């Protein structure tokens, strides 16, 4: 949740010989399968490793050591929320297309790309791995209002 230091820390790369890696991926996949979730990064479940899962249009998967390689198009305002800032959606700019590369559990290279919600999720989840929450990308006025609302929330 917002305020936990793991969310503000750059995540470490994973090693495919880590014995807990399979469990981490299972947890990420189980968590993202719940309704209303487009993506979950490892720091959101308390693990400071570079991994995230996604659930876009019924396609569920994961990626390890993802790197945001490319974004395209003119950034546009989109409504965005986050499991770590529950109950809030704010408009922020995201690129309409994104591409991420990384590896799977066997160390094989994988690539994810897409537009719309997939592009947004790829950017959002890689931001988490860099220790950034989506509210950091808000313009000054929106961020001020977002922080006010968050501070007034029941869970803060």
Protein backbone atom coordinates (compact mmCIF):
# COMPACT_ATOMS: atom_id res chain seq x y z
CA UNK A 1 0.00 0.00 0.00
CA UNK A 2 0.94 3.63 -0.46
CA UNK A 3 3.60 4.52 2.10
CA UNK A 4 5.36 1.13 2.13
CA UNK A 5 9.08 1.70 1.38
CA UNK A 6 9.22 -1.25 -1.06
CA UNK A 7 7.05 0.80 -3.44
CA UNK A 8 9.64 3.61 -3.50
CA UNK A 9 12.67 1.35 -3.98
CA UNK A 10 14.20 0.30 -7.30
CA UNK A 11 13.66 -3.46 -7.60
CA UNK A 12 16.54 -5.91 -7.96
CA UNK A 13 16.90 -8.17 -10.97
CA UNK A 14 15.73 -11.74 -10.54
CA UNK A 15 17.92 -14.76 -11.05
CA UNK A 16 16.34 -17.77 -12.73
CA UNK A 17 18.11 -20.05 -10.26
CA UNK A 18 16.33 -18.39 -7.29
CA UNK A 19 14.39 -21.24 -5.61
CA UNK A 20 11.55 -18.86 -4.64
CA UNK A 21 11.00 -17.54 -8.15
CA UNK A 22 8.33 -20.08 -9.14
CA UNK A 23 6.35 -19.17 -6.02
CA UNK A 24 6.66 -15.46 -6.76
CA UNK A 25 5.34 -15.94 -10.30
CA UNK A 26 2.44 -18.07 -9.01
CA UNK A 27 1.57 -15.36 -6.48
CA UNK A 28 1.70 -12.65 -9.16
CA UNK A 29 -0.51 -14.67 -11.50
CA UNK A 30 -3.02 -15.54 -8.77
CA UNK A 31 -3.20 -11.89 -7.70
CA UNK A 32 -3.69 -10.48 -11.21
CA UNK A 33 -6.48 -12.94 -12.03
CA UNK A 34 -8.81 -11.22 -9.56
CA UNK A 35 -11.44 -9.01 -11.23
CA UNK A 36 -10.48 -5.48 -12.19
CA UNK A 37 -6.72 -6.03 -12.30
CA UNK A 38 -4.67 -5.29 -15.39
CA UNK A 39 -1.28 -5.80 -13.77
CA UNK A 40 0.54 -6.49 -10.52
CA UNK A 41 4.21 -5.80 -9.87
CA UNK A 42 6.24 -7.75 -7.32
CA UNK A 43 6.72 -4.70 -5.05
CA UNK A 44 2.93 -4.50 -4.72
CA UNK A 45 2.98 -7.86 -2.95
CA UNK A 46 5.98 -6.85 -0.84
CA UNK A 47 8.78 -8.31 -2.98
CA UNK A 48 11.48 -5.98 -4.29
CA UNK A 49 12.25 -7.96 -7.44
CA UNK A 50 11.84 -7.06 -11.12
CA UNK A 51 8.76 -9.07 -12.06
CA UNK A 52 5.16 -8.37 -12.93
CA UNK A 53 2.04 -10.13 -14.14
CA UNK A 54 -0.66 -8.84 -16.47
CA UNK A 55 -4.27 -9.61 -17.32
CA UNK A 56 -5.32 -7.79 -20.48
CA UNK A 57 -8.39 -8.84 -22.46
CA UNK A 58 -8.29 -12.30 -20.90
CA UNK A 59 -4.58 -12.85 -21.63
CA UNK A 60 -2.77 -13.56 -18.37
CA UNK A 61 1.00 -13.78 -18.16
CA UNK A 62 4.17 -12.58 -16.48
CA UNK A 63 7.59 -11.20 -17.29
CA UNK A 64 10.84 -11.18 -15.34
CA UNK A 65 13.49 -8.46 -15.51
CA UNK A 66 11.35 -6.35 -17.83
CA UNK A 67 12.85 -3.36 -19.58
CA UNK A 68 10.66 -0.73 -21.22
CA UNK A 69 12.37 -0.68 -24.60
CA UNK A 70 10.12 1.56 -26.65
CA UNK A 71 7.08 3.80 -26.48
CA UNK A 72 5.33 5.38 -29.47
CA UNK A 73 2.80 8.04 -30.24
CA UNK A 74 1.77 11.24 -28.57
CA UNK A 75 1.17 10.90 -24.84
CA UNK A 76 -2.52 11.21 -23.98
CA UNK A 77 -4.45 11.60 -20.76
CA UNK A 78 -5.86 8.30 -19.50
CA UNK A 79 -7.69 7.38 -16.31
CA UNK A 80 -5.37 5.33 -14.17
CA UNK A 81 -5.65 3.59 -10.83
CA UNK A 82 -3.41 1.37 -8.75
CA UNK A 83 -3.91 -1.44 -6.26
CA UNK A 84 -1.37 0.31 -4.02
CA UNK A 85 -3.51 3.47 -3.96
CA UNK A 86 -6.93 1.77 -3.62
CA UNK A 87 -10.12 3.51 -4.61
CA UNK A 88 -8.53 6.32 -6.59
CA UNK A 89 -8.31 7.03 -10.31
CA UNK A 90 -6.57 10.07 -11.71
CA UNK A 91 -5.84 11.26 -15.23
CA UNK A 92 -2.21 11.15 -16.29
CA UNK A 93 -0.35 10.99 -19.55
CA UNK A 94 0.75 7.68 -21.03
CA UNK A 95 2.06 6.75 -24.45
CA UNK A 96 -0.49 4.88 -26.59
CA UNK A 97 1.93 2.05 -27.50
CA UNK A 98 4.71 0.35 -25.53
CA UNK A 99 7.13 -2.58 -25.80
CA UNK A 100 8.84 -4.43 -22.96
CA UNK A 101 11.46 -7.18 -23.14
CA UNK A 102 12.45 -9.60 -20.41
CA UNK A 103 12.68 -13.31 -19.65
CA UNK A 104 10.48 -16.19 -18.50
CA UNK A 105 11.19 -18.68 -15.69
CA UNK A 106 13.50 -20.69 -17.96
CA UNK A 107 15.54 -17.65 -18.94
CA UNK A 108 14.07 -17.47 -22.45
CA UNK A 109 13.73 -13.97 -23.89
CA UNK A 110 10.16 -12.71 -24.19
CA UNK A 111 8.66 -9.53 -25.55
CA UNK A 112 5.36 -7.89 -24.72
CA UNK A 113 3.90 -5.02 -26.70
CA UNK A 114 0.60 -3.43 -27.32
CA UNK A 115 -1.55 -0.37 -27.40
CA UNK A 116 -4.31 0.95 -25.20
CA UNK A 117 -4.65 -0.83 -21.87
CA UNK A 118 -1.67 -3.11 -22.59
CA UNK A 119 0.57 -0.11 -23.27
CA UNK A 120 -0.68 1.58 -20.13
CA UNK A 121 -0.09 -1.55 -18.02
CA UNK A 122 3.43 -2.07 -19.39
CA UNK A 123 4.36 1.51 -18.51
CA UNK A 124 2.61 1.41 -15.12
CA UNK A 125 4.18 -1.88 -14.00
CA UNK A 126 7.70 -1.02 -15.15
CA UNK A 127 7.34 2.26 -13.23
CA UNK A 128 6.63 0.20 -10.09
CA UNK A 129 9.90 -1.66 -10.61
CA UNK A 130 11.70 1.69 -10.70
CA UNK A 131 10.14 2.68 -7.37
CA UNK A 132 7.59 5.04 -8.92
CA UNK A 133 3.86 5.21 -8.25
CA UNK A 134 1.49 6.40 -10.96
CA UNK A 135 0.68 9.59 -9.06
CA UNK A 136 4.24 10.80 -9.66
CA UNK A 137 3.36 11.24 -13.33
CA UNK A 138 0.44 13.54 -12.61
CA UNK A 139 0.71 17.20 -13.49
CA UNK A 140 1.34 19.53 -10.55
CA UNK A 141 -2.30 20.45 -9.86
CA UNK A 142 -3.61 16.88 -10.20
CA UNK A 143 -0.84 15.57 -7.96
CA UNK A 144 -1.60 18.13 -5.26
CA UNK A 145 -5.30 17.19 -5.36
CA UNK A 146 -4.49 13.45 -5.46
CA UNK A 147 -2.26 13.72 -2.39
CA UNK A 148 -4.97 15.64 -0.54
CA UNK A 149 -7.54 12.95 -1.35
CA UNK A 150 -5.15 10.14 -0.40
CA UNK A 151 -4.32 11.78 2.95
CA UNK A 152 -8.05 12.04 3.67
CA UNK A 153 -8.77 8.40 2.76
CA UNK A 154 -9.80 5.86 5.39
CA UNK A 155 -6.83 3.60 4.71
CA UNK A 156 -4.09 6.29 4.82
